[in-house]
Protein backbone atom coordinates (compact mmCIF):
# COMPACT_ATOMS: atom_id res chain seq x y z
CA MET A 1 55.60 90.26 89.32
CA ALA A 2 56.00 93.85 88.40
CA ASN A 3 54.22 95.03 85.28
CA SER A 4 55.98 95.83 81.98
CA LYS A 5 56.13 99.59 82.65
CA GLU A 6 57.74 99.18 86.07
CA ILE A 7 60.27 96.67 84.72
CA ARG A 8 61.18 98.98 81.88
CA ARG A 9 61.74 101.89 84.36
CA ARG A 10 64.01 99.66 86.40
CA ILE A 11 65.97 98.62 83.26
CA LYS A 12 66.61 102.17 82.37
CA SER A 13 67.77 102.90 85.93
CA ILE A 14 70.21 100.01 85.89
CA GLN A 15 71.50 101.04 82.46
CA ASN A 16 72.18 104.49 83.79
CA THR A 17 74.13 103.03 86.77
CA TRP A 18 76.15 100.90 84.28
CA LYS A 19 77.09 103.97 82.29
CA ILE A 20 78.20 105.82 85.55
CA THR A 21 80.20 102.95 86.86
CA LYS A 22 81.80 102.41 83.46
CA ALA A 23 82.93 106.13 83.38
CA MET A 24 84.29 105.88 86.96
CA GLU A 25 86.14 102.60 86.18
CA LEU A 26 87.82 104.36 83.15
CA ILE A 27 88.71 107.43 85.14
CA SER A 28 90.25 105.31 87.89
CA THR A 29 92.26 103.39 85.29
CA VAL A 30 93.78 106.59 83.92
CA LYS A 31 94.53 107.94 87.45
CA MET A 32 96.14 104.63 88.39
CA LYS A 33 98.40 104.70 85.24
CA LYS A 34 99.34 108.30 86.06
CA ALA A 35 100.35 107.27 89.52
CA GLN A 36 102.56 104.51 88.00
CA ASP A 37 104.21 106.92 85.59
CA LEU A 38 105.01 109.23 88.52
CA ALA A 39 106.92 106.52 90.21
CA MET A 40 109.06 105.98 87.12
CA GLU A 41 109.79 109.59 86.35
CA LYS A 42 112.39 110.14 89.06
CA LYS A 43 114.48 107.02 88.22
CA ALA A 44 117.32 109.09 86.92
CA TYR A 45 117.21 111.32 90.10
CA ILE A 46 117.30 108.15 92.38
CA ARG A 47 120.32 106.84 90.36
CA SER A 48 122.20 110.03 91.14
CA VAL A 49 121.23 109.64 94.85
CA LEU A 50 122.41 106.07 94.81
CA GLU A 51 125.76 107.02 93.26
CA VAL A 52 126.40 109.53 96.13
CA PHE A 53 124.94 107.12 98.69
CA LEU A 54 127.37 104.40 97.74
CA SER A 55 130.44 106.65 98.07
CA ILE A 56 129.55 107.59 101.74
CA SER A 57 127.69 104.52 102.91
CA ASP A 58 130.53 103.64 105.31
CA SER A 59 129.48 106.62 107.47
CA LEU A 60 125.88 105.52 107.99
CA ASN A 61 126.37 104.65 111.59
CA GLU A 62 127.18 108.25 112.30
CA SER A 63 123.82 109.49 111.08
CA LYS A 64 121.07 110.45 113.58
CA PHE A 65 118.47 108.83 111.35
CA PHE A 66 119.92 105.35 112.07
CA SER A 67 120.00 105.60 115.92
CA LYS A 68 117.20 104.25 118.10
CA HIS A 69 115.79 106.30 120.89
CA THR A 70 115.53 104.44 124.17
CA THR A 71 114.22 107.35 126.39
CA TRP A 72 110.53 106.96 125.33
CA TRP A 73 108.58 103.95 124.07
CA LYS A 74 106.19 105.91 122.04
CA THR A 75 105.28 105.53 118.35
CA LEU A 76 104.20 108.00 115.86
CA ALA A 77 101.80 106.32 113.35
CA VAL A 78 101.37 107.88 109.89
CA ILE A 79 98.14 106.57 108.45
CA ILE A 80 97.46 106.90 104.64
CA THR A 81 93.88 106.36 103.60
CA SER A 82 91.58 108.02 101.02
CA ASN A 83 89.54 111.14 100.96
CA LYS A 84 86.67 109.39 99.09
CA TRP A 85 84.72 106.26 99.36
CA LEU A 86 83.87 103.84 96.37
CA CYS A 87 87.21 102.03 96.65
CA TRP A 88 86.05 98.70 98.05
CA TRP A 89 88.10 97.41 101.04
CA TYR A 90 90.89 99.95 100.63
CA ASN A 91 90.29 102.03 103.75
CA ILE A 92 88.94 99.11 105.83
CA ASN A 93 92.09 97.05 105.17
CA VAL A 94 94.32 99.92 106.53
CA MET A 95 92.02 100.36 109.44
CA LYS A 96 92.20 96.65 110.25
CA LYS A 97 95.91 96.78 110.04
CA VAL A 98 96.21 99.67 112.57
CA SER A 99 93.61 98.12 114.95
CA SER A 100 95.52 94.88 114.84
CA TYR A 101 98.79 96.51 115.56
CA MET A 102 97.35 98.51 118.43
CA LYS A 103 96.02 95.28 119.96
CA GLU A 104 99.30 93.41 119.68
CA HIS A 105 101.24 96.37 121.17
CA LYS A 106 98.99 97.65 123.88
CA ASP A 107 102.01 98.86 125.92
CA GLU A 108 103.03 101.20 123.08
CA LYS A 109 101.61 104.81 123.29
CA MET A 110 100.63 106.05 119.85
CA ASP A 111 100.09 109.44 118.23
CA PHE A 112 98.92 109.93 114.78
CA ILE A 113 99.56 111.85 111.64
CA THR A 114 96.77 111.31 109.02
CA VAL A 115 96.90 111.59 105.32
CA GLY A 116 93.33 110.99 104.13
CA LYS A 117 90.02 111.91 105.76
CA ARG A 118 88.81 108.34 106.58
CA TRP A 119 91.23 107.64 109.43
CA ALA A 120 91.30 111.33 110.47
CA TRP A 121 87.67 111.09 111.34
CA PHE A 122 88.26 107.85 113.21
CA VAL A 123 91.02 109.53 115.33
CA TRP A 124 88.81 112.45 116.15
CA ARG A 125 85.86 110.14 117.10
CA THR A 126 88.01 108.05 119.33
CA TRP A 127 89.84 110.85 121.10
CA ASN A 128 93.36 109.77 120.05
CA THR A 129 96.11 112.28 119.79
CA LEU A 130 96.23 113.76 116.26
CA ILE A 131 99.53 115.54 115.68
CA ALA A 132 98.69 116.73 112.14
CA ASP A 133 96.17 116.13 109.33
CA PHE A 134 97.20 116.55 105.72
CA SER A 135 93.89 115.24 104.31
CA TRP A 136 92.95 118.54 102.63
CA GLU A 137 96.18 118.70 100.67
CA PHE A 138 96.17 115.00 99.67
CA THR A 139 94.91 115.05 96.10
CA ASP A 140 95.29 112.72 93.13
CA ASN A 141 97.98 115.05 91.70
CA ILE A 142 100.74 114.27 94.31
CA ASP A 143 103.74 116.51 93.94
CA LEU A 144 107.05 116.26 95.75
CA TYR A 145 106.52 119.58 97.64
CA PHE A 146 103.56 118.07 99.38
CA ALA A 147 105.38 114.84 100.19
CA LYS A 148 108.38 116.79 101.43
CA SER A 149 106.21 118.88 103.85
CA VAL A 150 104.81 115.69 105.54
CA SER A 151 108.23 113.89 105.40
CA ARG A 152 109.99 116.89 107.13
CA LEU A 153 107.44 117.01 109.97
CA ILE A 154 107.91 113.28 110.40
CA GLN A 155 111.78 113.66 110.51
CA GLU A 156 111.41 116.56 112.98
CA LYS A 157 109.25 114.36 115.28
CA PHE A 158 111.63 111.55 115.14
CA LEU A 159 114.69 113.67 115.92
CA SER A 160 112.89 114.93 118.99
CA PRO A 161 113.33 112.64 122.06
CA GLU A 162 109.53 112.03 122.18
CA TYR A 163 109.20 109.22 119.75
CA SER A 164 111.24 105.94 119.53
CA LYS A 165 110.05 105.09 116.02
CA ILE A 166 107.85 106.03 113.00
CA LYS A 167 105.48 103.60 111.44
CA ILE A 168 103.53 104.07 108.23
CA PHE A 169 100.29 102.23 107.60
CA TYR A 170 99.15 102.05 103.99
CA ASN A 171 98.18 99.77 101.13
CA HIS A 172 101.33 98.45 99.31
CA TYR A 173 100.65 98.26 95.52
CA VAL A 174 101.54 94.78 94.12
CA ASN A 175 99.51 94.83 90.91
CA THR A 176 96.16 96.03 89.62
CA ILE A 177 94.07 93.47 91.49
CA ARG A 178 96.25 92.92 94.53
CA GLN A 179 97.14 95.54 97.18
CA ILE A 180 98.54 94.54 100.57
CA PRO A 181 97.94 96.60 103.87
CA VAL A 182 101.38 96.97 105.53
CA ALA A 183 102.72 98.44 108.78
CA HIS A 184 106.10 99.76 107.64
CA ASP A 185 108.90 100.72 109.94
CA PHE A 186 109.87 104.03 108.44
CA LEU A 187 112.35 105.51 111.00
CA PRO A 188 114.94 104.71 112.26
CA LEU A 189 116.51 103.79 108.99
CA THR A 190 118.28 100.47 108.34
CA LYS A 191 120.70 99.50 105.57
CA VAL A 192 118.50 96.60 104.53
CA TRP A 193 115.48 98.90 104.02
CA ILE A 194 117.44 101.45 102.01
CA GLU A 195 118.82 98.68 99.76
CA LEU A 196 115.38 97.27 99.34
CA TYR A 197 114.12 100.69 98.37
CA PHE A 198 116.80 101.11 95.67
CA LYS A 199 116.00 97.51 94.48
CA GLN A 200 112.31 98.36 94.09
CA ILE A 201 113.21 101.32 91.98
CA PHE A 202 115.80 99.70 89.60
CA GLY A 203 114.28 96.18 89.65
CA ASP A 204 116.33 93.10 88.71
CA ASN A 205 119.15 95.30 87.35
CA PHE A 206 119.86 96.78 90.80
CA TYR A 207 122.82 94.71 91.73
CA GLU A 208 124.43 95.24 88.36
CA ASP A 209 123.93 98.95 88.59
CA LYS A 210 125.29 98.86 92.13
CA ASP A 211 128.45 97.04 91.26
CA TYR A 212 128.92 99.40 88.16
CA LEU A 213 128.42 102.50 90.22
CA LYS A 214 130.78 101.29 92.91
CA LYS A 215 133.55 100.65 90.30
CA GLU A 216 132.96 104.05 88.87
CA THR A 217 133.09 105.71 92.20
CA LYS A 218 136.51 103.98 92.85
CA LYS A 219 137.85 105.15 89.47
CA ALA A 220 136.83 108.64 90.04
CA ASP A 221 138.23 108.82 93.47
CA TYR A 222 135.99 111.66 94.72
CA THR A 223 137.11 114.16 97.25
CA ILE A 224 134.06 114.82 99.56
CA GLU A 225 133.91 118.16 101.19
CA PRO A 226 133.28 119.30 103.90
CA SER A 227 133.03 115.73 105.11
CA LYS A 228 131.15 112.42 104.54
CA ALA A 229 129.11 112.84 107.68
CA GLU A 230 127.84 116.35 106.77
CA VAL A 231 127.08 115.24 103.13
CA LEU A 232 125.11 112.29 104.63
CA ASN A 233 123.10 114.52 106.95
CA GLU A 234 122.15 116.48 103.81
CA LEU A 235 121.52 113.49 101.57
CA LEU A 236 119.53 111.30 103.94
CA PRO A 237 116.60 113.85 104.43
CA MET A 238 116.39 113.97 100.71
CA LEU A 239 116.38 110.25 100.42
CA ILE A 240 113.70 110.01 103.16
CA ASP A 241 111.60 112.57 101.27
CA SER A 242 111.74 110.46 98.14
CA MET A 243 110.95 107.26 100.00
CA PHE A 244 107.89 108.92 101.56
CA TYR A 245 106.89 110.20 98.06
CA ASP A 246 106.98 106.74 96.79
CA THR A 247 104.86 105.51 99.59
CA LEU A 248 102.25 108.17 98.90
CA ILE A 249 102.27 107.16 95.16
CA GLU A 250 101.91 103.54 96.02
CA ALA A 251 99.02 104.24 98.35
CA LYS A 252 97.29 106.42 95.70
CA ALA A 253 97.88 103.77 92.96
CA SER A 254 96.37 101.16 95.37
CA GLU A 255 93.34 103.45 95.92
CA HIS A 256 92.69 103.93 92.23
CA SER A 257 93.08 100.17 91.59
CA SER A 258 90.65 99.34 94.31
CA ARG A 259 88.15 101.81 93.07
CA MET A 260 88.69 100.59 89.48
CA ILE A 261 87.97 97.01 90.57
CA ALA A 262 84.95 98.12 92.64
CA MET A 263 83.53 100.03 89.78
CA LYS A 264 84.13 97.13 87.36
CA ASN A 265 82.33 94.72 89.71
CA ALA A 266 79.42 97.29 90.04
CA LYS A 267 79.31 97.61 86.31
CA ASP A 268 79.29 93.89 85.69
CA ASN A 269 76.55 93.34 88.34
CA ALA A 270 74.52 96.07 86.79
CA ASN A 271 74.88 94.46 83.40
CA LYS A 272 73.84 91.01 84.78
CA TYR A 273 70.86 92.60 86.61
CA ALA A 274 69.75 94.46 83.52
CA SER A 275 69.92 91.24 81.51
CA LYS A 276 67.68 89.45 84.11
CA LEU A 277 65.21 92.38 84.05
CA THR A 278 65.30 92.36 80.31
CA LEU A 279 64.33 88.68 80.22
CA ALA A 280 61.59 89.21 82.78
CA TYR A 281 60.31 92.14 80.64
CA ASN A 282 60.37 90.03 77.60
CA LYS A 283 58.43 87.15 79.35
CA ALA A 284 55.89 89.68 80.79
CA ARG A 285 55.43 91.20 77.40
CA GLN A 286 55.10 87.85 75.77
CA ARG A 287 52.46 86.86 78.34
CA ALA A 288 50.49 89.99 77.71
CA ILE A 289 50.55 89.35 73.93
CA THR A 290 49.47 85.69 74.43
CA LYS A 291 46.62 86.94 76.57
CA GLU A 292 45.50 89.49 74.03
CA VAL A 293 45.66 86.83 71.29
CA SER A 294 43.71 84.39 73.23
CA GLU A 295 41.07 87.01 73.97
CA ILE A 296 40.77 87.93 70.32
CA VAL A 297 40.49 84.24 69.38
CA SER A 298 37.78 83.64 72.03
CA TRP A 299 35.84 86.72 70.84
CA VAL A 300 36.00 85.50 67.19
CA GLU A 301 34.76 82.14 68.19
CA SER A 302 31.94 83.57 70.22
CA MET A 303 30.88 85.65 67.20
CA LYS A 304 30.69 82.55 65.07
CA ASP A 305 28.22 81.01 67.55
């Protein structure tokens, strides 16, 4: 058993760790809330996009973003991880999802675009083909311009005949304590996925809003110039940018949630360990006091003799 001085030093060290992890938990909580607020700020913009989208949705089949390429069976994977550690299983879950997909689709050739240093380092070490790395620009303050720069590169690569599809690997944010690693088919687009995206934005009121906007569109009887196809070719890249922006926000919210939970667990463990050490310190101190009292009593008794 360590002496009282050593135990006191360890208690102080554990208490300092508790303070640090508590501060990091609070910081991650604030950042997670900020990421959630960012997702809600553009609801009015998405409603306007939905209004235009519903008026030209009958021309979707004409869009190049809905067509599948059959000349090459090659996949461009966009991997979103973090630039920092201390976020529990956040990065490992994404890496496991990518590894599992690669094992299941051994015949597919894959190139990578990375957003986050953790997977970028893995790609470099394994000599896979890295098309672009946006890790250094990927900060907690995600803006639409950054998301657009990545999204437009993805669209450019898809429209080239080299890639048959684009997949995004990231952690889908469900709630504070639950994030699910997913392999999402980003391109080519499907009507089902676009409708699901709008539903995620508007929640349970989506179908009511959709029916209302359809009625309003019919009442207005818009004249679309120069043509529905050309308007669609301008609208869809904007919609894809917004969808990718939401993906980045979800990934960032998942990262902060994972780090918040990890820091909370570390804080709780530090608190429990400090309590155990305090108990051990009190016992050691009590033993020392009892020993001293016994020695004093023995000395007094010996003086009487």
